[in-house]
Amino acid sequence: MGATPMSPTQPRPSRWITREKPKIDRIACPWLVSRFVDPAAEFIFVPADRVQAEAESREAIPYDIPGVDFSHDGELCSFDAFIDHFGLKEAALDRLALIVRGADTGRLDLAPECAGLLAVSLGISASAADDAGALAMGFPVYDALYAWARDVGGETHGWPPTS
């Protein structure tokens, strides 16, 4: 199953591995780790059939594949597994997790923002030059969604302007 899952006190930097061509969960999880757990974390992307073997040889923690600790569990997605494992308790992350879960599992009814995240994620995947490029394009999206959820989630915008 690759390296033993990190504990919140494990020495850094950590190394994580998953399937290539990241979308939704496979961008959200590296964002979460980089922003809240380990800013120096390394993320590796390989063909799906190579994740387990490469996890062993590179001493990396596999995620978002069946049969590993950091993956989907029932209606929850890998992002939920990371939040739970690292004990990240914050209303903004809970709200973001709902959006990620809906976009990643095709349950677009969970929050109005799910369809937008799905569209943006598919666009990132289609336009990024490589997997590292997808993370570089995706991290600002998650930074913005997190800031929205934390600071201005109740704000609306309409036309014409009121001031």
N, C-alpha and C. Protein backbone atom coordinates (compact mmCIF):
# COMPACT_ATOMS: atom_id res chain seq x y z
N MET A 1 0.82 -1.19 0.00
CA MET A 1 0.00 0.00 0.00
C MET A 1 0.87 1.26 0.00
N GLY A 2 2.14 1.16 -0.28
CA GLY A 2 3.01 2.34 -0.28
C GLY A 2 3.45 2.67 1.13
N ALA A 3 3.93 3.88 1.28
CA ALA A 3 4.41 4.33 2.58
C ALA A 3 3.27 4.39 3.58
N THR A 4 3.61 4.32 4.84
CA THR A 4 2.62 4.44 5.90
C THR A 4 2.01 5.83 5.85
N PRO A 5 0.70 5.95 6.00
CA PRO A 5 0.09 7.29 5.96
C PRO A 5 0.72 8.22 6.99
N MET A 6 0.90 9.45 6.61
CA MET A 6 1.51 10.46 7.48
C MET A 6 0.66 10.71 8.71
N SER A 7 1.30 10.94 9.78
CA SER A 7 0.61 11.46 10.95
C SER A 7 0.87 12.96 10.96
N PRO A 8 0.07 13.72 11.68
CA PRO A 8 0.30 15.16 11.71
C PRO A 8 1.68 15.55 12.25
N THR A 9 2.37 14.64 12.91
CA THR A 9 3.68 14.96 13.47
C THR A 9 4.83 14.36 12.67
N GLN A 10 4.55 13.72 11.54
CA GLN A 10 5.59 13.10 10.74
C GLN A 10 6.54 14.15 10.18
N PRO A 11 7.83 13.82 10.13
CA PRO A 11 8.79 14.77 9.56
C PRO A 11 8.43 15.14 8.12
N ARG A 12 8.78 16.31 7.72
CA ARG A 12 8.51 16.80 6.38
C ARG A 12 9.80 16.79 5.58
N PRO A 13 9.81 16.85 4.29
CA PRO A 13 8.65 16.92 3.42
C PRO A 13 8.06 15.54 3.13
N SER A 14 6.80 15.54 2.80
CA SER A 14 6.11 14.30 2.47
C SER A 14 6.09 14.10 0.97
N ARG A 15 5.83 12.87 0.56
CA ARG A 15 5.76 12.52 -0.86
C ARG A 15 4.47 11.76 -1.11
N TRP A 16 3.71 12.21 -2.09
CA TRP A 16 2.40 11.65 -2.40
C TRP A 16 2.36 11.24 -3.86
N ILE A 17 1.58 10.20 -4.17
CA ILE A 17 1.51 9.71 -5.54
C ILE A 17 0.08 9.31 -5.90
N THR A 18 -0.30 9.61 -7.14
CA THR A 18 -1.63 9.26 -7.63
C THR A 18 -1.59 9.14 -9.15
N ARG A 19 -2.78 8.98 -9.70
CA ARG A 19 -2.94 8.84 -11.15
C ARG A 19 -2.61 10.14 -11.87
N GLU A 20 -2.10 10.01 -13.08
CA GLU A 20 -1.77 11.17 -13.90
C GLU A 20 -3.04 11.88 -14.37
N LYS A 21 -2.86 13.03 -15.00
CA LYS A 21 -3.94 13.88 -15.51
C LYS A 21 -4.92 14.28 -14.40
N PRO A 22 -4.43 14.99 -13.38
CA PRO A 22 -5.28 15.32 -12.24
C PRO A 22 -6.44 16.24 -12.59
N LYS A 23 -7.52 15.94 -11.92
CA LYS A 23 -8.73 16.77 -11.97
C LYS A 23 -9.21 16.89 -10.53
N ILE A 24 -10.22 17.60 -10.27
CA ILE A 24 -10.92 17.84 -9.01
C ILE A 24 -10.16 17.35 -7.76
N ASP A 25 -10.42 16.12 -7.31
CA ASP A 25 -9.83 15.57 -6.08
C ASP A 25 -8.30 15.53 -6.14
N ARG A 26 -7.75 15.18 -7.28
CA ARG A 26 -6.30 15.05 -7.41
C ARG A 26 -5.60 16.38 -7.54
N ILE A 27 -6.35 17.47 -7.60
CA ILE A 27 -5.80 18.82 -7.46
C ILE A 27 -6.12 19.35 -6.07
N ALA A 28 -7.34 19.08 -5.60
CA ALA A 28 -7.76 19.56 -4.28
C ALA A 28 -6.89 18.98 -3.17
N CYS A 29 -6.56 17.70 -3.25
CA CYS A 29 -5.77 17.07 -2.18
C CYS A 29 -4.36 17.65 -2.09
N PRO A 30 -3.63 17.79 -3.20
CA PRO A 30 -2.32 18.45 -3.10
C PRO A 30 -2.44 19.88 -2.59
N TRP A 31 -3.48 20.60 -3.00
CA TRP A 31 -3.68 21.96 -2.49
C TRP A 31 -3.82 21.93 -0.97
N LEU A 32 -4.66 21.03 -0.47
CA LEU A 32 -4.91 20.94 0.97
C LEU A 32 -3.63 20.61 1.73
N VAL A 33 -2.89 19.62 1.25
CA VAL A 33 -1.63 19.23 1.90
C VAL A 33 -0.66 20.40 1.87
N SER A 34 -0.51 21.05 0.72
CA SER A 34 0.45 22.14 0.59
C SER A 34 0.09 23.34 1.46
N ARG A 35 -1.19 23.62 1.59
CA ARG A 35 -1.61 24.81 2.34
C ARG A 35 -1.77 24.57 3.84
N PHE A 36 -2.10 23.34 4.26
CA PHE A 36 -2.45 23.11 5.67
C PHE A 36 -1.59 22.06 6.38
N VAL A 37 -0.83 21.27 5.64
CA VAL A 37 -0.11 20.16 6.27
C VAL A 37 1.39 20.26 6.03
N ASP A 38 1.81 20.36 4.79
CA ASP A 38 3.23 20.28 4.44
C ASP A 38 3.52 21.12 3.20
N PRO A 39 3.95 22.36 3.37
CA PRO A 39 4.21 23.22 2.22
C PRO A 39 5.31 22.70 1.29
N ALA A 40 6.15 21.81 1.78
CA ALA A 40 7.24 21.27 0.97
C ALA A 40 6.90 19.91 0.35
N ALA A 41 5.66 19.49 0.45
CA ALA A 41 5.25 18.17 -0.06
C ALA A 41 5.55 18.04 -1.55
N GLU A 42 5.84 16.81 -1.95
CA GLU A 42 6.07 16.48 -3.35
C GLU A 42 4.90 15.66 -3.85
N PHE A 43 4.44 15.94 -5.06
CA PHE A 43 3.32 15.21 -5.65
C PHE A 43 3.77 14.58 -6.96
N ILE A 44 3.52 13.29 -7.07
CA ILE A 44 3.96 12.51 -8.22
C ILE A 44 2.72 11.96 -8.91
N PHE A 45 2.74 12.00 -10.24
CA PHE A 45 1.62 11.51 -11.04
C PHE A 45 2.15 10.45 -12.02
N VAL A 46 1.51 9.30 -12.02
CA VAL A 46 1.93 8.19 -12.89
C VAL A 46 0.68 7.54 -13.49
N PRO A 47 0.85 6.69 -14.50
CA PRO A 47 -0.31 5.96 -15.01
C PRO A 47 -0.98 5.17 -13.89
N ALA A 48 -2.30 5.06 -13.97
CA ALA A 48 -3.08 4.42 -12.90
C ALA A 48 -2.57 3.04 -12.53
N ASP A 49 -2.16 2.27 -13.52
CA ASP A 49 -1.72 0.90 -13.23
C ASP A 49 -0.33 0.84 -12.60
N ARG A 50 0.33 1.99 -12.44
CA ARG A 50 1.68 2.05 -11.85
C ARG A 50 1.70 2.68 -10.46
N VAL A 51 0.57 3.18 -9.98
CA VAL A 51 0.56 3.93 -8.72
C VAL A 51 1.10 3.09 -7.57
N GLN A 52 0.59 1.88 -7.38
CA GLN A 52 1.02 1.06 -6.23
C GLN A 52 2.51 0.72 -6.30
N ALA A 53 2.98 0.28 -7.44
CA ALA A 53 4.40 -0.09 -7.57
C ALA A 53 5.30 1.13 -7.38
N GLU A 54 4.92 2.24 -7.97
CA GLU A 54 5.73 3.46 -7.82
C GLU A 54 5.67 3.99 -6.39
N ALA A 55 4.54 3.81 -5.71
CA ALA A 55 4.45 4.22 -4.32
C ALA A 55 5.48 3.47 -3.48
N GLU A 56 5.59 2.18 -3.73
CA GLU A 56 6.58 1.36 -3.00
C GLU A 56 8.00 1.82 -3.31
N SER A 57 8.33 1.92 -4.59
CA SER A 57 9.71 2.22 -4.97
C SER A 57 10.13 3.64 -4.61
N ARG A 58 9.19 4.57 -4.57
CA ARG A 58 9.52 5.97 -4.28
C ARG A 58 9.20 6.36 -2.84
N GLU A 59 8.74 5.39 -2.04
CA GLU A 59 8.36 5.66 -0.66
C GLU A 59 7.38 6.83 -0.59
N ALA A 60 6.35 6.74 -1.41
CA ALA A 60 5.32 7.78 -1.49
C ALA A 60 3.99 7.24 -0.98
N ILE A 61 3.15 8.11 -0.54
CA ILE A 61 1.83 7.73 -0.03
C ILE A 61 0.82 7.83 -1.16
N PRO A 62 0.20 6.72 -1.54
CA PRO A 62 -0.77 6.78 -2.63
C PRO A 62 -2.10 7.40 -2.18
N TYR A 63 -2.74 8.09 -3.10
CA TYR A 63 -4.06 8.68 -2.79
C TYR A 63 -4.93 8.66 -4.03
N ASP A 64 -6.22 8.72 -3.77
CA ASP A 64 -7.26 8.76 -4.80
C ASP A 64 -7.18 7.59 -5.78
N ILE A 65 -6.91 6.42 -5.24
CA ILE A 65 -7.05 5.17 -5.98
C ILE A 65 -7.75 4.18 -5.04
N PRO A 66 -8.43 3.19 -5.59
CA PRO A 66 -9.11 2.22 -4.72
C PRO A 66 -8.13 1.46 -3.82
N GLY A 67 -8.58 1.18 -2.60
CA GLY A 67 -7.83 0.33 -1.70
C GLY A 67 -6.74 0.98 -0.89
N VAL A 68 -6.69 2.31 -0.85
CA VAL A 68 -5.69 2.99 -0.03
C VAL A 68 -6.40 3.86 1.01
N ASP A 69 -5.65 4.30 2.01
CA ASP A 69 -6.25 5.08 3.10
C ASP A 69 -6.82 6.42 2.66
N PHE A 70 -6.14 7.09 1.75
CA PHE A 70 -6.57 8.42 1.30
C PHE A 70 -7.32 8.28 -0.02
N SER A 71 -8.57 7.81 0.08
CA SER A 71 -9.37 7.58 -1.12
C SER A 71 -10.85 7.76 -0.80
N HIS A 72 -11.67 7.45 -1.76
CA HIS A 72 -13.12 7.54 -1.59
C HIS A 72 -13.59 6.50 -0.58
N ASP A 73 -14.60 6.89 0.19
CA ASP A 73 -15.21 5.99 1.17
C ASP A 73 -16.70 6.27 1.17
N GLY A 74 -17.47 5.39 0.54
CA GLY A 74 -18.90 5.63 0.42
C GLY A 74 -19.15 6.89 -0.37
N GLU A 75 -19.90 7.82 0.20
CA GLU A 75 -20.22 9.07 -0.49
C GLU A 75 -19.12 10.12 -0.36
N LEU A 76 -18.10 9.84 0.43
CA LEU A 76 -17.02 10.79 0.64
C LEU A 76 -15.92 10.59 -0.39
N CYS A 77 -15.17 11.66 -0.67
CA CYS A 77 -14.08 11.56 -1.63
C CYS A 77 -12.74 11.68 -0.90
N SER A 78 -11.67 11.62 -1.66
CA SER A 78 -10.32 11.63 -1.07
C SER A 78 -10.07 12.91 -0.27
N PHE A 79 -10.57 14.03 -0.73
CA PHE A 79 -10.40 15.30 -0.02
C PHE A 79 -10.95 15.18 1.41
N ASP A 80 -12.09 14.51 1.55
CA ASP A 80 -12.67 14.27 2.88
C ASP A 80 -11.73 13.43 3.73
N ALA A 81 -11.10 12.42 3.12
CA ALA A 81 -10.18 11.54 3.86
C ALA A 81 -8.98 12.33 4.39
N PHE A 82 -8.46 13.24 3.59
CA PHE A 82 -7.33 14.07 4.04
C PHE A 82 -7.76 14.97 5.20
N ILE A 83 -8.91 15.62 5.07
CA ILE A 83 -9.40 16.50 6.13
C ILE A 83 -9.56 15.72 7.43
N ASP A 84 -10.16 14.55 7.34
CA ASP A 84 -10.37 13.73 8.52
C ASP A 84 -9.05 13.27 9.12
N HIS A 85 -8.16 12.74 8.31
CA HIS A 85 -6.90 12.21 8.82
C HIS A 85 -6.07 13.28 9.55
N PHE A 86 -6.04 14.47 8.98
CA PHE A 86 -5.22 15.52 9.58
C PHE A 86 -5.98 16.37 10.59
N GLY A 87 -7.23 16.02 10.87
CA GLY A 87 -8.00 16.72 11.89
C GLY A 87 -8.21 18.19 11.58
N LEU A 88 -8.41 18.51 10.32
CA LEU A 88 -8.60 19.90 9.91
C LEU A 88 -10.06 20.27 10.11
N LYS A 89 -10.32 20.98 11.16
CA LYS A 89 -11.69 21.34 11.53
C LYS A 89 -11.87 22.84 11.35
N GLU A 90 -12.54 23.19 10.27
CA GLU A 90 -12.77 24.60 9.96
C GLU A 90 -13.99 24.67 9.05
N ALA A 91 -14.88 25.59 9.33
CA ALA A 91 -16.11 25.71 8.56
C ALA A 91 -15.84 25.93 7.07
N ALA A 92 -14.83 26.75 6.75
CA ALA A 92 -14.53 27.02 5.33
C ALA A 92 -14.07 25.75 4.62
N LEU A 93 -13.28 24.93 5.29
CA LEU A 93 -12.85 23.67 4.67
C LEU A 93 -14.01 22.70 4.53
N ASP A 94 -14.92 22.70 5.49
CA ASP A 94 -16.11 21.85 5.37
C ASP A 94 -16.94 22.26 4.16
N ARG A 95 -17.10 23.55 3.97
CA ARG A 95 -17.87 24.04 2.83
C ARG A 95 -17.17 23.70 1.52
N LEU A 96 -15.86 23.87 1.49
CA LEU A 96 -15.08 23.52 0.31
C LEU A 96 -15.15 22.02 0.04
N ALA A 97 -15.10 21.22 1.09
CA ALA A 97 -15.17 19.75 0.93
C ALA A 97 -16.49 19.35 0.28
N LEU A 98 -17.57 19.99 0.64
CA LEU A 98 -18.86 19.68 0.04
C LEU A 98 -18.83 19.96 -1.47
N ILE A 99 -18.22 21.05 -1.85
CA ILE A 99 -18.12 21.42 -3.27
C ILE A 99 -17.24 20.42 -4.01
N VAL A 100 -16.10 20.10 -3.43
CA VAL A 100 -15.19 19.12 -4.06
C VAL A 100 -15.89 17.78 -4.19
N ARG A 101 -16.54 17.35 -3.12
CA ARG A 101 -17.24 16.05 -3.13
C ARG A 101 -18.29 16.00 -4.24
N GLY A 102 -19.09 17.05 -4.34
CA GLY A 102 -20.13 17.08 -5.37
C GLY A 102 -19.55 17.06 -6.78
N ALA A 103 -18.52 17.86 -7.01
CA ALA A 103 -17.90 17.90 -8.33
C ALA A 103 -17.21 16.58 -8.66
N ASP A 104 -16.55 15.98 -7.67
CA ASP A 104 -15.76 14.78 -7.92
C ASP A 104 -16.60 13.51 -8.04
N THR A 105 -17.76 13.51 -7.45
CA THR A 105 -18.59 12.30 -7.46
C THR A 105 -19.81 12.42 -8.36
N GLY A 106 -19.91 13.52 -9.10
CA GLY A 106 -21.05 13.71 -9.99
C GLY A 106 -22.33 14.06 -9.28
N ARG A 107 -22.22 14.50 -8.03
CA ARG A 107 -23.40 14.90 -7.26
C ARG A 107 -23.48 16.42 -7.24
N LEU A 108 -23.75 16.98 -8.40
CA LEU A 108 -23.72 18.42 -8.58
C LEU A 108 -24.80 19.15 -7.79
N ASP A 109 -25.75 18.41 -7.23
CA ASP A 109 -26.81 19.00 -6.43
C ASP A 109 -26.37 19.33 -5.00
N LEU A 110 -25.18 18.91 -4.58
CA LEU A 110 -24.75 19.14 -3.20
C LEU A 110 -24.55 20.62 -2.88
N ALA A 111 -24.09 21.38 -3.86
CA ALA A 111 -23.89 22.82 -3.67
C ALA A 111 -23.90 23.47 -5.05
N PRO A 112 -24.38 24.71 -5.14
CA PRO A 112 -24.44 25.37 -6.45
C PRO A 112 -23.07 25.49 -7.13
N GLU A 113 -22.01 25.51 -6.36
CA GLU A 113 -20.67 25.71 -6.89
C GLU A 113 -20.07 24.44 -7.51
N CYS A 114 -20.66 23.29 -7.27
CA CYS A 114 -20.10 22.01 -7.75
C CYS A 114 -19.94 21.99 -9.27
N ALA A 115 -20.95 22.42 -9.99
CA ALA A 115 -20.88 22.39 -11.46
C ALA A 115 -19.78 23.30 -11.97
N GLY A 116 -19.60 24.45 -11.33
CA GLY A 116 -18.53 25.37 -11.74
C GLY A 116 -17.16 24.77 -11.50
N LEU A 117 -16.98 24.13 -10.35
CA LEU A 117 -15.69 23.50 -10.07
C LEU A 117 -15.41 22.37 -11.05
N LEU A 118 -16.43 21.59 -11.37
CA LEU A 118 -16.25 20.52 -12.36
C LEU A 118 -15.81 21.11 -13.69
N ALA A 119 -16.49 22.14 -14.16
CA ALA A 119 -16.16 22.76 -15.45
C ALA A 119 -14.73 23.32 -15.45
N VAL A 120 -14.37 24.03 -14.40
CA VAL A 120 -13.02 24.61 -14.31
C VAL A 120 -11.97 23.50 -14.26
N SER A 121 -12.23 22.45 -13.49
CA SER A 121 -11.27 21.35 -13.37
C SER A 121 -11.06 20.63 -14.69
N LEU A 122 -12.13 20.38 -15.42
CA LEU A 122 -11.99 19.74 -16.73
C LEU A 122 -11.25 20.64 -17.70
N GLY A 123 -11.50 21.94 -17.62
CA GLY A 123 -10.77 22.89 -18.45
C GLY A 123 -9.29 22.94 -18.11
N ILE A 124 -8.96 22.89 -16.83
CA ILE A 124 -7.56 22.86 -16.42
C ILE A 124 -6.89 21.60 -16.97
N SER A 125 -7.52 20.47 -16.81
CA SER A 125 -6.96 19.21 -17.29
C SER A 125 -6.74 19.24 -18.80
N ALA A 126 -7.67 19.84 -19.51
CA ALA A 126 -7.57 19.89 -20.97
C ALA A 126 -6.52 20.89 -21.46
N SER A 127 -6.24 21.91 -20.67
CA SER A 127 -5.34 22.96 -21.15
C SER A 127 -3.95 22.96 -20.51
N ALA A 128 -3.76 22.24 -19.43
CA ALA A 128 -2.44 22.21 -18.78
C ALA A 128 -1.45 21.42 -19.64
N ALA A 129 -0.23 21.89 -19.70
CA ALA A 129 0.80 21.22 -20.49
C ALA A 129 1.19 19.88 -19.88
N ASP A 130 1.10 19.78 -18.55
CA ASP A 130 1.46 18.54 -17.86
C ASP A 130 0.82 18.55 -16.48
N ASP A 131 1.09 17.51 -15.70
CA ASP A 131 0.45 17.38 -14.39
C ASP A 131 0.87 18.49 -13.42
N ALA A 132 2.14 18.85 -13.43
CA ALA A 132 2.60 19.95 -12.58
C ALA A 132 1.90 21.25 -12.99
N GLY A 133 1.71 21.43 -14.29
CA GLY A 133 1.00 22.60 -14.79
C GLY A 133 -0.44 22.63 -14.33
N ALA A 134 -1.08 21.46 -14.25
CA ALA A 134 -2.46 21.39 -13.76
C ALA A 134 -2.51 21.84 -12.30
N LEU A 135 -1.54 21.43 -11.50
CA LEU A 135 -1.51 21.90 -10.10
C LEU A 135 -1.28 23.41 -10.05
N ALA A 136 -0.36 23.90 -10.87
CA ALA A 136 -0.07 25.33 -10.89
C ALA A 136 -1.30 26.14 -11.28
N MET A 137 -2.10 25.63 -12.19
CA MET A 137 -3.33 26.32 -12.59
C MET A 137 -4.44 26.13 -11.56
N GLY A 138 -4.48 24.96 -10.92
CA GLY A 138 -5.56 24.63 -10.01
C GLY A 138 -5.43 25.24 -8.63
N PHE A 139 -4.21 25.39 -8.12
CA PHE A 139 -4.05 25.91 -6.77
C PHE A 139 -4.70 27.29 -6.58
N PRO A 140 -4.55 28.23 -7.52
CA PRO A 140 -5.23 29.52 -7.33
C PRO A 140 -6.76 29.40 -7.32
N VAL A 141 -7.29 28.42 -8.02
CA VAL A 141 -8.74 28.18 -8.00
C VAL A 141 -9.15 27.78 -6.58
N TYR A 142 -8.41 26.86 -5.97
CA TYR A 142 -8.74 26.42 -4.62
C TYR A 142 -8.45 27.50 -3.59
N ASP A 143 -7.41 28.30 -3.81
CA ASP A 143 -7.17 29.45 -2.92
C ASP A 143 -8.38 30.37 -2.95
N ALA A 144 -8.90 30.63 -4.14
CA ALA A 144 -10.05 31.53 -4.27
C ALA A 144 -11.31 30.93 -3.67
N LEU A 145 -11.56 29.65 -3.92
CA LEU A 145 -12.75 29.02 -3.33
C LEU A 145 -12.66 28.99 -1.81
N TYR A 146 -11.47 28.73 -1.28
CA TYR A 146 -11.29 28.72 0.17
C TYR A 146 -11.53 30.13 0.74
N ALA A 147 -10.98 31.15 0.10
CA ALA A 147 -11.18 32.53 0.57
C ALA A 147 -12.66 32.89 0.51
N TRP A 148 -13.33 32.48 -0.55
CA TRP A 148 -14.77 32.72 -0.67
C TRP A 148 -15.52 32.04 0.48
N ALA A 149 -15.21 30.76 0.71
CA ALA A 149 -15.90 30.01 1.76
C ALA A 149 -15.61 30.59 3.14
N ARG A 150 -14.42 31.08 3.35
CA ARG A 150 -14.01 31.61 4.65
C ARG A 150 -14.52 33.02 4.89
N ASP A 151 -14.51 33.87 3.83
CA ASP A 151 -14.70 35.30 4.04
C ASP A 151 -15.96 35.91 3.44
N VAL A 152 -16.40 35.42 2.29
CA VAL A 152 -17.48 36.12 1.60
C VAL A 152 -18.53 35.18 1.01
N GLY A 153 -18.66 34.00 1.56
CA GLY A 153 -19.58 33.00 1.03
C GLY A 153 -21.03 33.43 1.00
N GLY A 154 -21.40 34.40 1.80
CA GLY A 154 -22.78 34.85 1.81
C GLY A 154 -23.03 36.08 0.93
N GLU A 155 -21.96 36.60 0.38
CA GLU A 155 -22.09 37.80 -0.44
C GLU A 155 -22.73 37.46 -1.78
N THR A 156 -23.54 38.37 -2.27
CA THR A 156 -24.16 38.17 -3.58
C THR A 156 -23.72 39.30 -4.51
N HIS A 157 -24.01 39.11 -5.76
CA HIS A 157 -23.66 40.12 -6.76
C HIS A 157 -24.81 40.22 -7.72
N GLY A 158 -25.24 41.41 -7.99
CA GLY A 158 -26.36 41.58 -8.89
C GLY A 158 -26.18 42.78 -9.78
N TRP A 159 -27.17 42.95 -10.63
CA TRP A 159 -27.14 44.09 -11.55
C TRP A 159 -28.52 44.71 -11.57
N PRO A 160 -28.64 45.96 -11.59
CA PRO A 160 -27.59 46.97 -11.60
C PRO A 160 -26.96 47.14 -10.22
N PRO A 161 -25.78 47.74 -10.18
CA PRO A 161 -25.13 47.95 -8.88
C PRO A 161 -25.95 48.87 -8.00
N THR A 162 -25.84 48.63 -6.69
CA THR A 162 -26.61 49.45 -5.74
C THR A 162 -25.84 50.66 -5.27
N SER A 163 -24.55 50.71 -5.52
CA SER A 163 -23.78 51.89 -5.10
C SER A 163 -22.80 52.31 -6.14
